[in-house]
Amino acid sequence: MLSSIDKGVKAAEISRPPAGVYGDVDLRVLPKYISYKASNLREKTNLHFVMGLMLLAWISTFVIQNNRVEYWQTKFREKEFILVPSKIVGHTPATPQSVPDSYVKFAVKSFIQMSGTTTPSGIRDQLERFAGYMEKKLGSRYLADMEEWIELSEKKGLYEQVEHTNLKFAYHKKSGVIDVDVVLRRDRRENADFLGTAMEKMKMTLLVQQPKPDQEWTFKIVKYSRKPM
């Protein structure tokens, strides 16, 4: 027998929905939509990851820089200052091989007083301080030569006071060497007894050097002599 389909009865045909379309929903675009959403989600995830890395890097940089700033602030507060006598007002400008004559004169006057105006109680410390400005071997030799006078001054209570009557110096700027010639008047007394006056001649050769933390003057004494005239 022939079936309804074989007879061509339309009502008996198997009904099929349109391929990929169900009502108002077109399932043919579903793979593209899923791919778009997955790509969009992956992009957002990657973006969040990159932003997290950037935030971590920024925080690390901030912490490191903050510590570095605190470190350098601490080091800055440890900077060294050069102490100069109170008679020098303001700044003393200086460049390599160029030191103002006024600065040289103040330094020489300080060396004169340091080496010549002494008291029994302070002579040793004062002359050791003066020797600290000398070249090492010269300073050791100077203190060895002065030891007998130091002991005599401490024992007998000898005081000395010096005043320069003539001071000359020649500054060789290319080498940074300064040759100094000084004429001194030296007064000496033993306790309250005046022992007399004598004229002396002092010679020094100074060399410009880098500042030292425990010294006022940027000079090193490489030659020194003090003799009666």
C-alpha atoms as a PDB file:
ATOM      1  CA  MET A   1       0.000   0.000   0.000  1.00  0.00           C
ATOM      2  CA  LEU A   2       1.050   3.539  -0.568  1.00  0.00           C
ATOM      3  CA  SER A   3       1.559   5.712   2.420  1.00  0.00           C
ATOM      4  CA  SER A   4       0.301   9.232   2.783  1.00  0.00           C
ATOM      5  CA  ILE A   5       3.715  10.568   1.954  1.00  0.00           C
ATOM      6  CA  ASP A   6       3.974   8.455  -1.124  1.00  0.00           C
ATOM      7  CA  LYS A   7       0.615   9.801  -2.209  1.00  0.00           C
ATOM      8  CA  GLY A   8       1.998  13.321  -1.887  1.00  0.00           C
ATOM      9  CA  VAL A   9      -0.190  14.435   0.913  1.00  0.00           C
ATOM     10  CA  LYS A  10       1.437  17.607   2.158  1.00  0.00           C
ATOM     11  CA  ALA A  11      -0.074  17.349   5.576  1.00  0.00           C
ATOM     12  CA  ALA A  12       1.557  14.038   6.075  1.00  0.00           C
ATOM     13  CA  GLU A  13       5.080  15.363   5.338  1.00  0.00           C
ATOM     14  CA  ILE A  14       7.540  15.440   8.235  1.00  0.00           C
ATOM     15  CA  SER A  15       7.756  19.086   9.373  1.00  0.00           C
ATOM     16  CA  ARG A  16      11.262  20.412  10.121  1.00  0.00           C
ATOM     17  CA  PRO A  17      12.159  23.768  11.605  1.00  0.00           C
ATOM     18  CA  PRO A  18      14.341  26.070   9.530  1.00  0.00           C
ATOM     19  CA  ALA A  19      18.008  25.067   9.925  1.00  0.00           C
ATOM     20  CA  GLY A  20      19.666  26.959  12.796  1.00  0.00           C
ATOM     21  CA  VAL A  21      16.687  29.184  13.580  1.00  0.00           C
ATOM     22  CA  TYR A  22      14.353  28.587  16.514  1.00  0.00           C
ATOM     23  CA  GLY A  23      11.687  31.162  16.807  1.00  0.00           C
ATOM     24  CA  ASP A  24      13.404  34.540  17.069  1.00  0.00           C
ATOM     25  CA  VAL A  25      16.790  33.029  17.883  1.00  0.00           C
ATOM     26  CA  ASP A  26      19.300  32.459  15.104  1.00  0.00           C
ATOM     27  CA  LEU A  27      21.639  29.779  16.410  1.00  0.00           C
ATOM     28  CA  ARG A  28      23.930  30.174  13.430  1.00  0.00           C
ATOM     29  CA  VAL A  29      25.581  33.214  15.059  1.00  0.00           C
ATOM     30  CA  LEU A  30      26.016  31.417  18.396  1.00  0.00           C
ATOM     31  CA  PRO A  31      29.607  30.188  17.710  1.00  0.00           C
ATOM     32  CA  LYS A  32      30.661  33.702  16.698  1.00  0.00           C
ATOM     33  CA  TYR A  33      28.995  35.148  19.792  1.00  0.00           C
ATOM     34  CA  ILE A  34      30.667  32.619  22.056  1.00  0.00           C
ATOM     35  CA  SER A  35      34.032  33.323  20.406  1.00  0.00           C
ATOM     36  CA  TYR A  36      33.497  37.091  20.844  1.00  0.00           C
ATOM     37  CA  LYS A  37      32.545  36.746  24.528  1.00  0.00           C
ATOM     38  CA  ALA A  38      35.524  34.426  25.163  1.00  0.00           C
ATOM     39  CA  SER A  39      37.881  36.827  23.406  1.00  0.00           C
ATOM     40  CA  ASN A  40      36.431  39.775  25.292  1.00  0.00           C
ATOM     41  CA  LEU A  41      36.755  37.914  28.611  1.00  0.00           C
ATOM     42  CA  ARG A  42      40.346  36.927  27.818  1.00  0.00           C
ATOM     43  CA  GLU A  43      41.164  40.536  26.897  1.00  0.00           C
ATOM     44  CA  LYS A  44      39.713  41.804  30.155  1.00  0.00           C
ATOM     45  CA  THR A  45      41.581  39.134  32.115  1.00  0.00           C
ATOM     46  CA  ASN A  46      44.858  40.046  30.411  1.00  0.00           C
ATOM     47  CA  LEU A  47      44.174  43.732  31.009  1.00  0.00           C
ATOM     48  CA  HIS A  48      43.511  43.122  34.686  1.00  0.00           C
ATOM     49  CA  PHE A  49      46.727  41.070  34.902  1.00  0.00           C
ATOM     50  CA  VAL A  50      48.780  43.819  33.225  1.00  0.00           C
ATOM     51  CA  MET A  51      47.218  46.477  35.468  1.00  0.00           C
ATOM     52  CA  GLY A  52      48.029  44.340  38.497  1.00  0.00           C
ATOM     53  CA  LEU A  53      51.654  44.020  37.371  1.00  0.00           C
ATOM     54  CA  MET A  54      51.858  47.782  36.754  1.00  0.00           C
ATOM     55  CA  LEU A  55      50.373  48.495  40.169  1.00  0.00           C
ATOM     56  CA  LEU A  56      52.826  46.098  41.813  1.00  0.00           C
ATOM     57  CA  ALA A  57      55.729  47.672  39.913  1.00  0.00           C
ATOM     58  CA  TRP A  58      54.576  51.180  40.898  1.00  0.00           C
ATOM     59  CA  ILE A  59      54.252  50.238  44.564  1.00  0.00           C
ATOM     60  CA  SER A  60      57.694  48.597  44.501  1.00  0.00           C
ATOM     61  CA  THR A  61      59.215  51.659  42.812  1.00  0.00           C
ATOM     62  CA  PHE A  62      57.527  53.978  45.319  1.00  0.00           C
ATOM     63  CA  VAL A  63      58.817  51.990  48.281  1.00  0.00           C
ATOM     64  CA  ILE A  64      62.352  51.781  46.864  1.00  0.00           C
ATOM     65  CA  GLN A  65      62.467  55.465  45.930  1.00  0.00           C
ATOM     66  CA  ASN A  66      61.059  56.464  49.296  1.00  0.00           C
ATOM     67  CA  ASN A  67      63.774  54.465  51.037  1.00  0.00           C
ATOM     68  CA  ARG A  68      66.419  55.990  48.747  1.00  0.00           C
ATOM     69  CA  VAL A  69      65.162  59.498  49.499  1.00  0.00           C
ATOM     70  CA  GLU A  70      65.319  58.811  53.230  1.00  0.00           C
ATOM     71  CA  TYR A  71      68.830  57.338  52.760  1.00  0.00           C
ATOM     72  CA  TRP A  72      70.123  60.366  50.880  1.00  0.00           C
ATOM     73  CA  GLN A  73      68.448  62.752  53.305  1.00  0.00           C
ATOM     74  CA  THR A  74      70.308  60.974  56.098  1.00  0.00           C
ATOM     75  CA  LYS A  75      73.586  61.166  54.148  1.00  0.00           C
ATOM     76  CA  PHE A  76      72.926  64.817  53.358  1.00  0.00           C
ATOM     77  CA  ARG A  77      72.559  65.606  57.042  1.00  0.00           C
ATOM     78  CA  GLU A  78      75.975  63.995  57.592  1.00  0.00           C
ATOM     79  CA  LYS A  79      77.707  66.482  55.275  1.00  0.00           C
ATOM     80  CA  GLU A  80      80.929  67.988  56.524  1.00  0.00           C
ATOM     81  CA  PHE A  81      81.595  71.646  57.183  1.00  0.00           C
ATOM     82  CA  ILE A  82      84.915  73.473  57.198  1.00  0.00           C
ATOM     83  CA  LEU A  83      85.269  75.547  60.351  1.00  0.00           C
ATOM     84  CA  VAL A  84      86.928  78.906  59.855  1.00  0.00           C
ATOM     85  CA  PRO A  85      87.866  81.587  62.401  1.00  0.00           C
ATOM     86  CA  SER A  86      85.068  83.963  63.333  1.00  0.00           C
ATOM     87  CA  LYS A  87      87.018  86.936  61.936  1.00  0.00           C
ATOM     88  CA  ILE A  88      86.367  85.691  58.402  1.00  0.00           C
ATOM     89  CA  VAL A  89      82.967  87.070  57.425  1.00  0.00           C
ATOM     90  CA  GLY A  90      80.929  85.335  54.753  1.00  0.00           C
ATOM     91  CA  HIS A  91      82.324  82.898  52.248  1.00  0.00           C
ATOM     92  CA  THR A  92      85.908  82.526  51.106  1.00  0.00           C
ATOM     93  CA  PRO A  93      85.806  81.781  47.370  1.00  0.00           C
ATOM     94  CA  ALA A  94      88.500  79.462  46.084  1.00  0.00           C
ATOM     95  CA  THR A  95      89.238  77.514  42.921  1.00  0.00           C
ATOM     96  CA  PRO A  96      92.060  75.081  42.187  1.00  0.00           C
ATOM     97  CA  GLN A  97      95.404  76.925  42.237  1.00  0.00           C
ATOM     98  CA  SER A  98      93.612  80.136  43.250  1.00  0.00           C
ATOM     99  CA  VAL A  99      93.295  80.973  46.951  1.00  0.00           C
ATOM    100  CA  PRO A 100      92.601  84.583  48.007  1.00  0.00           C
ATOM    101  CA  ASP A 101      95.524  86.433  49.602  1.00  0.00           C
ATOM    102  CA  SER A 102      93.318  87.325  52.570  1.00  0.00           C
ATOM    103  CA  TYR A 103      92.731  83.623  53.287  1.00  0.00           C
ATOM    104  CA  VAL A 104      96.475  82.898  53.101  1.00  0.00           C
ATOM    105  CA  LYS A 105      97.222  85.800  55.461  1.00  0.00           C
ATOM    106  CA  PHE A 106      94.664  84.635  58.034  1.00  0.00           C
ATOM    107  CA  ALA A 107      96.074  81.093  57.871  1.00  0.00           C
ATOM    108  CA  VAL A 108      99.676  82.276  58.334  1.00  0.00           C
ATOM    109  CA  LYS A 109      98.703  84.473  61.300  1.00  0.00           C
ATOM    110  CA  SER A 110      96.922  81.496  62.845  1.00  0.00           C
ATOM    111  CA  PHE A 111     100.027  79.302  62.375  1.00  0.00           C
ATOM    112  CA  ILE A 112     102.203  81.988  63.996  1.00  0.00           C
ATOM    113  CA  GLN A 113     100.023  82.164  67.087  1.00  0.00           C
ATOM    114  CA  MET A 114      99.610  78.390  67.211  1.00  0.00           C
ATOM    115  CA  SER A 115     103.365  77.800  67.192  1.00  0.00           C
ATOM    116  CA  GLY A 116     104.535  80.760  69.270  1.00  0.00           C
ATOM    117  CA  THR A 117     101.984  81.962  71.820  1.00  0.00           C
ATOM    118  CA  THR A 118     101.996  79.208  74.423  1.00  0.00           C
ATOM    119  CA  THR A 119     101.160  78.537  78.078  1.00  0.00           C
ATOM    120  CA  PRO A 120     102.622  75.856  80.391  1.00  0.00           C
ATOM    121  CA  SER A 121      99.319  74.005  80.632  1.00  0.00           C
ATOM    122  CA  GLY A 122      98.452  74.062  76.927  1.00  0.00           C
ATOM    123  CA  ILE A 123     101.790  74.041  75.121  1.00  0.00           C
ATOM    124  CA  ARG A 124     101.836  70.310  74.355  1.00  0.00           C
ATOM    125  CA  ASP A 125      98.331  70.129  72.867  1.00  0.00           C
ATOM    126  CA  GLN A 126      98.891  73.366  70.952  1.00  0.00           C
ATOM    127  CA  LEU A 127     102.161  72.321  69.348  1.00  0.00           C
ATOM    128  CA  GLU A 128     100.756  68.895  68.522  1.00  0.00           C
ATOM    129  CA  ARG A 129      97.862  70.641  66.799  1.00  0.00           C
ATOM    130  CA  PHE A 130     100.329  72.812  64.879  1.00  0.00           C
ATOM    131  CA  ALA A 131     102.356  69.728  63.895  1.00  0.00           C
ATOM    132  CA  GLY A 132      99.136  68.197  62.548  1.00  0.00           C
ATOM    133  CA  TYR A 133      99.293  70.707  59.689  1.00  0.00           C
ATOM    134  CA  MET A 134     102.798  69.558  58.747  1.00  0.00           C
ATOM    135  CA  GLU A 135     103.872  66.846  56.375  1.00  0.00           C
ATOM    136  CA  LYS A 136     104.013  63.639  58.446  1.00  0.00           C
ATOM    137  CA  LYS A 137     107.801  63.245  58.733  1.00  0.00           C
ATOM    138  CA  LEU A 138     108.292  66.965  59.285  1.00  0.00           C
ATOM    139  CA  GLY A 139     105.666  66.962  62.055  1.00  0.00           C
ATOM    140  CA  SER A 140     107.296  64.021  63.854  1.00  0.00           C
ATOM    141  CA  ARG A 141     110.709  65.668  63.640  1.00  0.00           C
ATOM    142  CA  TYR A 142     109.303  69.000  64.845  1.00  0.00           C
ATOM    143  CA  LEU A 143     107.681  67.451  67.939  1.00  0.00           C
ATOM    144  CA  ALA A 144     110.874  65.526  68.747  1.00  0.00           C
ATOM    145  CA  ASP A 145     112.901  68.775  68.546  1.00  0.00           C
ATOM    146  CA  MET A 146     110.372  70.638  70.706  1.00  0.00           C
ATOM    147  CA  GLU A 147     109.999  67.954  73.407  1.00  0.00           C
ATOM    148  CA  GLU A 148     112.755  69.410  75.614  1.00  0.00           C
ATOM    149  CA  TRP A 149     111.255  72.897  75.398  1.00  0.00           C
ATOM    150  CA  ILE A 150     107.768  71.547  76.135  1.00  0.00           C
ATOM    151  CA  GLU A 151     108.964  69.757  79.283  1.00  0.00           C
ATOM    152  CA  LEU A 152     110.885  72.859  80.417  1.00  0.00           C
ATOM    153  CA  SER A 153     107.872  75.098  79.855  1.00  0.00           C
ATOM    154  CA  GLU A 154     105.571  72.765  81.796  1.00  0.00           C
ATOM    155  CA  LYS A 155     108.066  72.355  84.637  1.00  0.00           C
ATOM    156  CA  LYS A 156     109.097  76.015  85.117  1.00  0.00           C
ATOM    157  CA  GLY A 157     105.868  77.705  84.078  1.00  0.00           C
ATOM    158  CA  LEU A 158     107.231  79.458  80.993  1.00  0.00           C
ATOM    159  CA  TYR A 159     104.935  81.590  78.878  1.00  0.00           C
ATOM    160  CA  GLU A 160     105.638  82.855  75.377  1.00  0.00           C
ATOM    161  CA  GLN A 161     103.870  85.443  73.288  1.00  0.00           C
ATOM    162  CA  VAL A 162     104.755  86.271  69.686  1.00  0.00           C
ATOM    163  CA  GLU A 163     103.719  89.073  67.366  1.00  0.00           C
ATOM    164  CA  HIS A 164     104.749  89.439  63.761  1.00  0.00           C
ATOM    165  CA  THR A 165     106.385  92.713  62.764  1.00  0.00           C
ATOM    166  CA  ASN A 166     106.765  91.794  59.106  1.00  0.00           C
ATOM    167  CA  LEU A 167     104.933  89.185  57.050  1.00  0.00           C
ATOM    168  CA  LYS A 168     105.551  88.374  53.402  1.00  0.00           C
ATOM    169  CA  PHE A 169     104.474  85.468  51.251  1.00  0.00           C
ATOM    170  CA  ALA A 170     104.800  84.477  47.616  1.00  0.00           C
ATOM    171  CA  TYR A 171     102.029  82.391  46.112  1.00  0.00           C
ATOM    172  CA  HIS A 172     103.016  80.211  43.148  1.00  0.00           C
ATOM    173  CA  LYS A 173      99.590  79.545  41.674  1.00  0.00           C
ATOM    174  CA  LYS A 174     100.609  76.923  39.129  1.00  0.00           C
ATOM    175  CA  SER A 175     102.049  74.625  41.782  1.00  0.00           C
ATOM    176  CA  GLY A 176      99.852  75.738  44.687  1.00  0.00           C
ATOM    177  CA  VAL A 177     102.974  76.397  46.819  1.00  0.00           C
ATOM    178  CA  ILE A 178     103.250  79.381  49.163  1.00  0.00           C
ATOM    179  CA  ASP A 179     106.591  80.565  50.559  1.00  0.00           C
ATOM    180  CA  VAL A 180     106.224  82.555  53.795  1.00  0.00           C
ATOM    181  CA  ASP A 181     108.786  84.814  55.535  1.00  0.00           C
ATOM    182  CA  VAL A 182     107.901  86.277  58.943  1.00  0.00           C
ATOM    183  CA  VAL A 183     109.793  88.487  61.397  1.00  0.00           C
ATOM    184  CA  LEU A 184     108.633  87.887  64.985  1.00  0.00           C
ATOM    185  CA  ARG A 185     108.961  89.689  68.296  1.00  0.00           C
ATOM    186  CA  ARG A 186     108.914  87.096  71.055  1.00  0.00           C
ATOM    187  CA  ASP A 187     108.220  87.941  74.718  1.00  0.00           C
ATOM    188  CA  ARG A 188     108.941  85.333  77.389  1.00  0.00           C
ATOM    189  CA  ARG A 189     108.185  85.210  81.076  1.00  0.00           C
ATOM    190  CA  GLU A 190     108.431  82.703  83.894  1.00  0.00           C
ATOM    191  CA  ASN A 191     105.244  82.819  85.900  1.00  0.00           C
ATOM    192  CA  ALA A 192     105.027  86.549  86.753  1.00  0.00           C
ATOM    193  CA  ASP A 193     108.687  87.372  85.971  1.00  0.00           C
ATOM    194  CA  PHE A 194     109.408  88.946  82.593  1.00  0.00           C
ATOM    195  CA  LEU A 195     112.440  87.317  80.946  1.00  0.00           C
ATOM    196  CA  GLY A 196     112.876  89.646  77.974  1.00  0.00           C
ATOM    197  CA  THR A 197     112.195  90.119  74.294  1.00  0.00           C
ATOM    198  CA  ALA A 198     113.902  88.584  71.265  1.00  0.00           C
ATOM    199  CA  MET A 199     113.539  88.955  67.509  1.00  0.00           C
ATOM    200  CA  GLU A 200     113.143  85.789  65.476  1.00  0.00           C
ATOM    201  CA  LYS A 201     112.667  84.794  61.867  1.00  0.00           C
ATOM    202  CA  MET A 202     110.180  82.150  60.796  1.00  0.00           C
ATOM    203  CA  LYS A 203     110.017  80.508  57.382  1.00  0.00           C
ATOM    204  CA  MET A 204     107.312  78.195  56.110  1.00  0.00           C
ATOM    205  CA  THR A 205     106.429  76.577  52.830  1.00  0.00           C
ATOM    206  CA  LEU A 206     102.733  75.812  52.497  1.00  0.00           C
ATOM    207  CA  LEU A 207     101.021  73.572  49.995  1.00  0.00           C
ATOM    208  CA  VAL A 208      97.324  73.856  49.122  1.00  0.00           C
ATOM    209  CA  GLN A 209      95.499  70.619  49.913  1.00  0.00           C
ATOM    210  CA  GLN A 210      91.981  69.250  50.255  1.00  0.00           C
ATOM    211  CA  PRO A 211      90.061  70.232  53.419  1.00  0.00           C
ATOM    212  CA  LYS A 212      90.260  67.905  56.426  1.00  0.00           C
ATOM    213  CA  PRO A 213      87.407  67.489  58.934  1.00  0.00           C
ATOM    214  CA  ASP A 214      89.516  68.386  62.001  1.00  0.00           C
ATOM    215  CA  GLN A 215      91.458  71.335  60.522  1.00  0.00           C
ATOM    216  CA  GLU A 216      90.521  74.943  59.883  1.00  0.00           C
ATOM    217  CA  TRP A 217      92.935  75.646  57.053  1.00  0.00           C
ATOM    218  CA  THR A 218      93.372  73.951  53.674  1.00  0.00           C
ATOM    219  CA  PHE A 219      97.185  74.035  53.831  1.00  0.00           C
ATOM    220  CA  LYS A 220      99.926  71.532  54.571  1.00  0.00           C
ATOM    221  CA  ILE A 221     103.284  72.764  55.899  1.00  0.00           C
ATOM    222  CA  VAL A 222     106.075  71.034  53.968  1.00  0.00           C
ATOM    223  CA  LYS A 223     108.982  73.175  55.280  1.00  0.00           C
ATOM    224  CA  TYR A 224     109.354  75.031  58.579  1.00  0.00           C
ATOM    225  CA  SER A 225     112.087  76.832  60.497  1.00  0.00           C
ATOM    226  CA  ARG A 226     112.209  79.362  63.343  1.00  0.00           C
ATOM    227  CA  LYS A 227     115.511  80.897  64.386  1.00  0.00           C
ATOM    228  CA  PRO A 228     116.821  83.917  66.332  1.00  0.00           C
ATOM    229  CA  MET A 229     117.814  86.882  64.173  1.00  0.00           C
END
